[in-house]
C-alpha atoms as a PDB file:
ATOM      1  CA  HIS A   1       4.532  10.149  -5.544  1.00  0.00           C
ATOM      2  CA  LEU A   2       6.476   8.614  -2.976  1.00  0.00           C
ATOM      3  CA  SER A   3       8.236  11.519  -0.394  1.00  0.00           C
ATOM      4  CA  LYS A   4      11.021  10.963   2.841  1.00  0.00           C
ATOM      5  CA  LEU A   5      11.564   7.951   4.258  1.00  0.00           C
ATOM      6  CA  SER A   6      13.924   9.162   6.962  1.00  0.00           C
ATOM      7  CA  GLY A   7      15.807  10.980   8.708  1.00  0.00           C
ATOM      8  CA  GLY A   8      12.697  13.138  11.312  1.00  0.00           C
ATOM      9  CA  ASP A   9      10.186  13.196   9.336  1.00  0.00           C
ATOM     10  CA  ARG A  10       7.183  11.731  10.586  1.00  0.00           C
ATOM     11  CA  MET A  11       5.828   9.064   7.346  1.00  0.00           C
ATOM     12  CA  MET A  12       2.810   7.613   7.114  1.00  0.00           C
ATOM     13  CA  TYR A  13       1.650   5.713   3.872  1.00  0.00           C
ATOM     14  CA  LEU A  14      -1.515   3.586   3.952  1.00  0.00           C
ATOM     15  CA  ILE A  15      -1.594   1.415   0.725  1.00  0.00           C
ATOM     16  CA  VAL A  16      -5.532   0.204  -0.271  1.00  0.00           C
ATOM     17  CA  GLY A  17      -6.917  -1.512  -2.708  1.00  0.00           C
ATOM     18  CA  GLU A  18      -8.088  -4.713  -3.264  1.00  0.00           C
ATOM     19  CA  ASN A  19      -5.106  -5.237  -6.580  1.00  0.00           C
ATOM     20  CA  GLY A  20      -3.269  -7.731  -3.969  1.00  0.00           C
ATOM     21  CA  TYR A  21       0.372  -7.274  -6.971  1.00  0.00           C
ATOM     22  CA  LEU A  22      -0.017  -4.517  -6.874  1.00  0.00           C
ATOM     23  CA  ARG A  23       0.409  -3.316  -3.435  1.00  0.00           C
ATOM     24  CA  GLU A  24       2.814  -6.045  -2.833  1.00  0.00           C
ATOM     25  CA  LEU A  25       4.381  -4.104  -4.949  1.00  0.00           C
ATOM     26  CA  GLU A  26       4.248  -0.642  -3.464  1.00  0.00           C
ATOM     27  CA  LEU A  27       4.952  -1.910  -0.155  1.00  0.00           C
ATOM     28  CA  GLU A  28       8.089  -3.219  -1.952  1.00  0.00           C
ATOM     29  CA  ALA A  29       9.018   0.544  -3.105  1.00  0.00           C
ATOM     30  CA  LEU A  30       8.304   1.856  -0.489  1.00  0.00           C
ATOM     31  CA  VAL A  31      10.759  -0.560   1.918  1.00  0.00           C
ATOM     32  CA  GLY A  32      13.205  -0.490  -0.891  1.00  0.00           C
ATOM     33  CA  ARG A  33      13.869   3.928  -0.268  1.00  0.00           C
ATOM     34  CA  CYS A  34      13.929   2.932   2.885  1.00  0.00           C
ATOM     35  CA  ALA A  35      17.615   1.748   4.893  1.00  0.00           C
ATOM     36  CA  LEU A  36      15.154  -0.099   7.934  1.00  0.00           C
ATOM     37  CA  THR A  37      14.758  -3.144   7.887  1.00  0.00           C
ATOM     38  CA  PRO A  38      10.717  -3.666   8.390  1.00  0.00           C
ATOM     39  CA  GLU A  39       8.806  -4.789  11.046  1.00  0.00           C
ATOM     40  CA  ALA A  40       5.986  -6.915   9.897  1.00  0.00           C
ATOM     41  CA  TYR A  41       2.528  -6.846  11.897  1.00  0.00           C
ATOM     42  CA  ASP A  42      -1.104  -8.789  11.438  1.00  0.00           C
ATOM     43  CA  GLY A  43      -3.076  -6.747  12.408  1.00  0.00           C
ATOM     44  CA  ALA A  44      -5.912  -8.618  13.075  1.00  0.00           C
ATOM     45  CA  GLU A  45      -3.405 -10.291  15.621  1.00  0.00           C
ATOM     46  CA  LEU A  46      -1.918  -7.096  17.405  1.00  0.00           C
ATOM     47  CA  SER A  47      -3.105  -5.608  21.045  1.00  0.00           C
ATOM     48  CA  ALA A  48      -3.720  -2.153  21.992  1.00  0.00           C
ATOM     49  CA  SER A  49       0.097  -2.229  23.511  1.00  0.00           C
ATOM     50  CA  GLN A  50       1.815  -3.913  20.133  1.00  0.00           C
ATOM     51  CA  LEU A  51       0.052  -0.939  18.541  1.00  0.00           C
ATOM     52  CA  ALA A  52       1.256   1.337  21.149  1.00  0.00           C
ATOM     53  CA  ASP A  53       5.171  -0.043  20.592  1.00  0.00           C
ATOM     54  CA  CYS A  54       4.439   0.394  16.290  1.00  0.00           C
ATOM     55  CA  ILE A  55       3.646   3.732  16.960  1.00  0.00           C
ATOM     56  CA  ALA A  56       6.643   5.162  19.400  1.00  0.00           C
ATOM     57  CA  GLY A  57      10.532   6.429  18.561  1.00  0.00           C
ATOM     58  CA  GLY A  58      12.916   5.144  18.151  1.00  0.00           C
ATOM     59  CA  THR A  59      14.321   1.560  20.743  1.00  0.00           C
ATOM     60  CA  ILE A  60      17.467   1.142  22.670  1.00  0.00           C
ATOM     61  CA  PHE A  61      18.456  -0.605  19.793  1.00  0.00           C
ATOM     62  CA  THR A  62      17.586   1.675  17.189  1.00  0.00           C
ATOM     63  CA  LYS A  63      17.131   5.746  16.279  1.00  0.00           C
ATOM     64  CA  GLU A  64      14.243   5.036  13.335  1.00  0.00           C
ATOM     65  CA  ARG A  65      12.511   2.254  12.294  1.00  0.00           C
ATOM     66  CA  LEU A  66      10.196   1.689  10.114  1.00  0.00           C
ATOM     67  CA  VAL A  67       7.270  -0.614  10.970  1.00  0.00           C
ATOM     68  CA  VAL A  68       4.258  -2.047   8.302  1.00  0.00           C
ATOM     69  CA  ILE A  69       1.410  -3.208  10.286  1.00  0.00           C
ATOM     70  CA  ARG A  70      -1.613  -5.234   6.987  1.00  0.00           C
ATOM     71  CA  ASP A  71      -5.021  -5.094   7.463  1.00  0.00           C
ATOM     72  CA  LEU A  72      -5.318  -2.921  10.622  1.00  0.00           C
ATOM     73  CA  SER A  73      -9.101  -2.557   9.991  1.00  0.00           C
ATOM     74  CA  THR A  74     -10.052  -5.618  10.343  1.00  0.00           C
ATOM     75  CA  ASN A  75      -9.680  -4.920  13.603  1.00  0.00           C
ATOM     76  CA  LYS A  76     -12.366  -3.097  14.213  1.00  0.00           C
ATOM     77  CA  ASN A  77     -11.101  -1.118  18.431  1.00  0.00           C
ATOM     78  CA  LEU A  78      -7.442  -0.264  16.797  1.00  0.00           C
ATOM     79  CA  TRP A  79      -8.470   0.839  14.218  1.00  0.00           C
ATOM     80  CA  ASP A  80      -9.983   3.516  15.659  1.00  0.00           C
ATOM     81  CA  THR A  81      -7.024   3.546  18.259  1.00  0.00           C
ATOM     82  CA  LEU A  82      -5.159   4.085  15.529  1.00  0.00           C
ATOM     83  CA  ALA A  83      -7.267   7.479  14.264  1.00  0.00           C
ATOM     84  CA  GLY A  84      -7.055   9.193  17.224  1.00  0.00           C
ATOM     85  CA  TRP A  85      -3.032   8.614  17.967  1.00  0.00           C
ATOM     86  CA  VAL A  86      -1.890   9.300  14.420  1.00  0.00           C
ATOM     87  CA  ASN A  87      -0.944  13.056  15.913  1.00  0.00           C
ATOM     88  CA  ARG A  88       1.195  10.282  18.732  1.00  0.00           C
ATOM     89  CA  VAL A  89       3.131   8.265  15.557  1.00  0.00           C
ATOM     90  CA  SER A  90       7.392   9.423  15.990  1.00  0.00           C
ATOM     91  CA  ASP A  91       8.739  11.142  14.226  1.00  0.00           C
ATOM     92  CA  THR A  92      11.190   8.722  13.297  1.00  0.00           C
ATOM     93  CA  THR A  93       9.501   5.944  13.096  1.00  0.00           C
ATOM     94  CA  THR A  94       8.188   5.579   9.072  1.00  0.00           C
ATOM     95  CA  LEU A  95       4.559   3.972   9.345  1.00  0.00           C
ATOM     96  CA  ILE A  96       3.186   1.836   6.635  1.00  0.00           C
ATOM     97  CA  ILE A  97      -0.825   0.889   6.701  1.00  0.00           C
ATOM     98  CA  VAL A  98      -1.243  -1.720   4.429  1.00  0.00           C
ATOM     99  CA  GLU A  99      -5.509  -2.609   3.996  1.00  0.00           C
ATOM    100  CA  ARG A 100      -7.103  -4.181   0.754  1.00  0.00           C
ATOM    101  CA  LYS A 101     -10.745  -3.225   1.161  1.00  0.00           C
ATOM    102  CA  PRO A 102     -11.315  -1.199   4.478  1.00  0.00           C
ATOM    103  CA  ASP A 103     -14.441   1.041   5.650  1.00  0.00           C
ATOM    104  CA  LYS A 104     -13.315   4.582   3.511  1.00  0.00           C
ATOM    105  CA  ARG A 105     -17.174   6.017   4.749  1.00  0.00           C
ATOM    106  CA  THR A 106     -15.983   5.899   8.842  1.00  0.00           C
ATOM    107  CA  VAL A 107     -14.276   8.387  10.563  1.00  0.00           C
ATOM    108  CA  ALA A 108     -10.908   6.533  11.857  1.00  0.00           C
ATOM    109  CA  TYR A 109     -10.519   5.800   8.091  1.00  0.00           C
ATOM    110  CA  LYS A 110     -10.004   9.040   6.929  1.00  0.00           C
ATOM    111  CA  LYS A 111      -8.275   9.905   9.772  1.00  0.00           C
ATOM    112  CA  ILE A 112      -6.656   8.025   9.306  1.00  0.00           C
ATOM    113  CA  ALA A 113      -6.413   8.762   5.012  1.00  0.00           C
ATOM    114  CA  ALA A 114      -5.360  12.124   6.206  1.00  0.00           C
ATOM    115  CA  ALA A 115      -2.936  11.949   8.154  1.00  0.00           C
ATOM    116  CA  SER A 116      -1.264   9.539   5.903  1.00  0.00           C
ATOM    117  CA  THR A 117       0.129   9.351   2.054  1.00  0.00           C
ATOM    118  CA  VAL A 118      -2.435   7.871   0.413  1.00  0.00           C
ATOM    119  CA  ILE A 119      -1.669   4.828  -1.981  1.00  0.00           C
ATOM    120  CA  SER A 120      -3.692   3.774  -3.877  1.00  0.00           C
ATOM    121  CA  ALA A 121      -4.188  -0.448  -5.323  1.00  0.00           C
ATOM    122  CA  ASP A 122      -6.925  -1.002  -7.171  1.00  0.00           C
ATOM    123  CA  TYR A 123      -7.067  -3.566 -10.053  1.00  0.00           C
ATOM    124  CA  LEU A 124      -6.989  -1.327 -13.574  1.00  0.00           C
ATOM    125  CA  ASP A 125     -10.306  -2.264 -15.612  1.00  0.00           C
ATOM    126  CA  GLU A 126     -11.719  -2.019 -18.928  1.00  0.00           C
ATOM    127  CA  ARG A 127     -12.252   2.515 -18.810  1.00  0.00           C
ATOM    128  CA  ARG A 128      -8.223   2.221 -17.879  1.00  0.00           C
ATOM    129  CA  ARG A 129      -6.367   0.112 -20.544  1.00  0.00           C
ATOM    130  CA  SER A 130      -4.285   2.637 -21.731  1.00  0.00           C
ATOM    131  CA  ASP A 131      -3.071   2.970 -18.653  1.00  0.00           C
ATOM    132  CA  ALA A 132      -2.300  -1.095 -18.149  1.00  0.00           C
ATOM    133  CA  LEU A 133      -1.005  -0.978 -21.861  1.00  0.00           C
ATOM    134  CA  LEU A 134       1.511   1.811 -20.518  1.00  0.00           C
ATOM    135  CA  TRP A 135       2.124   0.172 -17.249  1.00  0.00           C
ATOM    136  CA  THR A 136       3.099  -3.179 -19.243  1.00  0.00           C
ATOM    137  CA  LYS A 137       4.879  -1.225 -21.376  1.00  0.00           C
ATOM    138  CA  ALA A 138       6.962   0.279 -18.170  1.00  0.00           C
ATOM    139  CA  GLN A 139       7.069  -2.206 -17.056  1.00  0.00           C
ATOM    140  CA  ALA A 140       8.975  -4.690 -19.667  1.00  0.00           C
ATOM    141  CA  LYS A 141      11.351  -1.559 -20.435  1.00  0.00           C
ATOM    142  CA  LYS A 142      12.733  -2.259 -16.405  1.00  0.00           C
ATOM    143  CA  LEU A 143      13.374  -5.412 -17.587  1.00  0.00           C
ATOM    144  CA  GLY A 144      14.951  -4.814 -20.901  1.00  0.00           C
ATOM    145  CA  ILE A 145      12.602  -6.036 -23.452  1.00  0.00           C
ATOM    146  CA  ASN A 146      11.181  -3.454 -26.313  1.00  0.00           C
ATOM    147  CA  LEU A 147       7.757  -4.499 -26.668  1.00  0.00           C
ATOM    148  CA  HIS A 148       5.793  -4.069 -29.768  1.00  0.00           C
ATOM    149  CA  ASP A 149       2.004  -2.046 -29.546  1.00  0.00           C
ATOM    150  CA  ALA A 150       0.452  -4.939 -30.807  1.00  0.00           C
ATOM    151  CA  HIS A 151       2.629  -8.087 -27.664  1.00  0.00           C
ATOM    152  CA  VAL A 152       1.106  -5.123 -25.321  1.00  0.00           C
ATOM    153  CA  ASP A 153      -2.035  -4.611 -25.919  1.00  0.00           C
ATOM    154  CA  MET A 154      -2.695  -8.803 -26.243  1.00  0.00           C
ATOM    155  CA  ILE A 155      -0.468  -8.752 -22.961  1.00  0.00           C
ATOM    156  CA  VAL A 156      -3.096  -6.873 -21.348  1.00  0.00           C
ATOM    157  CA  SER A 157      -6.224  -9.031 -23.270  1.00  0.00           C
ATOM    158  CA  ARG A 158      -4.768 -11.612 -21.470  1.00  0.00           C
ATOM    159  CA  ALA A 159      -4.855 -10.094 -18.382  1.00  0.00           C
ATOM    160  CA  MET A 160      -8.632  -9.198 -18.514  1.00  0.00           C
ATOM    161  CA  LEU A 161     -10.787 -10.670 -15.599  1.00  0.00           C
ATOM    162  CA  ALA A 162     -14.133 -10.706 -14.616  1.00  0.00           C
ATOM    163  CA  GLY A 163     -14.712  -8.236 -12.202  1.00  0.00           C
ATOM    164  CA  GLU A 164     -17.805  -8.056  -9.574  1.00  0.00           C
ATOM    165  CA  ARG A 165     -20.069  -6.295 -10.889  1.00  0.00           C
ATOM    166  CA  PRO A 166     -21.437  -7.987 -14.223  1.00  0.00           C
ATOM    167  CA  GLY A 167     -20.641  -8.060 -17.520  1.00  0.00           C
ATOM    168  CA  ALA A 168     -17.360  -5.479 -15.892  1.00  0.00           C
ATOM    169  CA  SER A 169     -13.867  -6.804 -16.937  1.00  0.00           C
ATOM    170  CA  ILE A 170     -10.875  -5.967 -14.439  1.00  0.00           C
ATOM    171  CA  ILE A 171      -7.136  -6.446 -15.513  1.00  0.00           C
ATOM    172  CA  ASP A 172      -5.014  -8.532 -13.052  1.00  0.00           C
ATOM    173  CA  GLN A 173      -1.629  -6.861 -12.977  1.00  0.00           C
ATOM    174  CA  GLY A 174       0.345  -9.509 -11.715  1.00  0.00           C
ATOM    175  CA  LEU A 175      -1.091 -11.987 -14.894  1.00  0.00           C
ATOM    176  CA  ILE A 176       1.527  -8.889 -16.860  1.00  0.00           C
END
């Protein structure tokens, strides 16, 4: 689901979800596909002029940029500002926005999401146990480990945690 990260295409990615492990995995995958060093910003501490600089094109020192902004939605004024500026993101800038739990009902979220490739980083739950089994097996295979299905099932069972709702469980992929 990853698109080309550089080479003149304006790219915006929005990584959204409460699964911190998966958010970092997705961010690492995006950064790994790009030959640029990321410029990292904390959205809660960003100013309007810094945000304008983030979406601007290359500088005198570099032609292309990879900008990562975390938790911008906690700064409501700048979140709303970015929503109005999504079309101003330079063609030479790849912008990755990482959010834990933005309010998806807002106009700002909808505009930013519409202009971005949205990557979900939600926890797997009991209903998606089969996805967790497949994911675990794939991760083991990447490490050169061949697991039997019974072992994969046991690993996923041990990664089950109580969810926010009573009686609901989530699978913490960071424990796998």
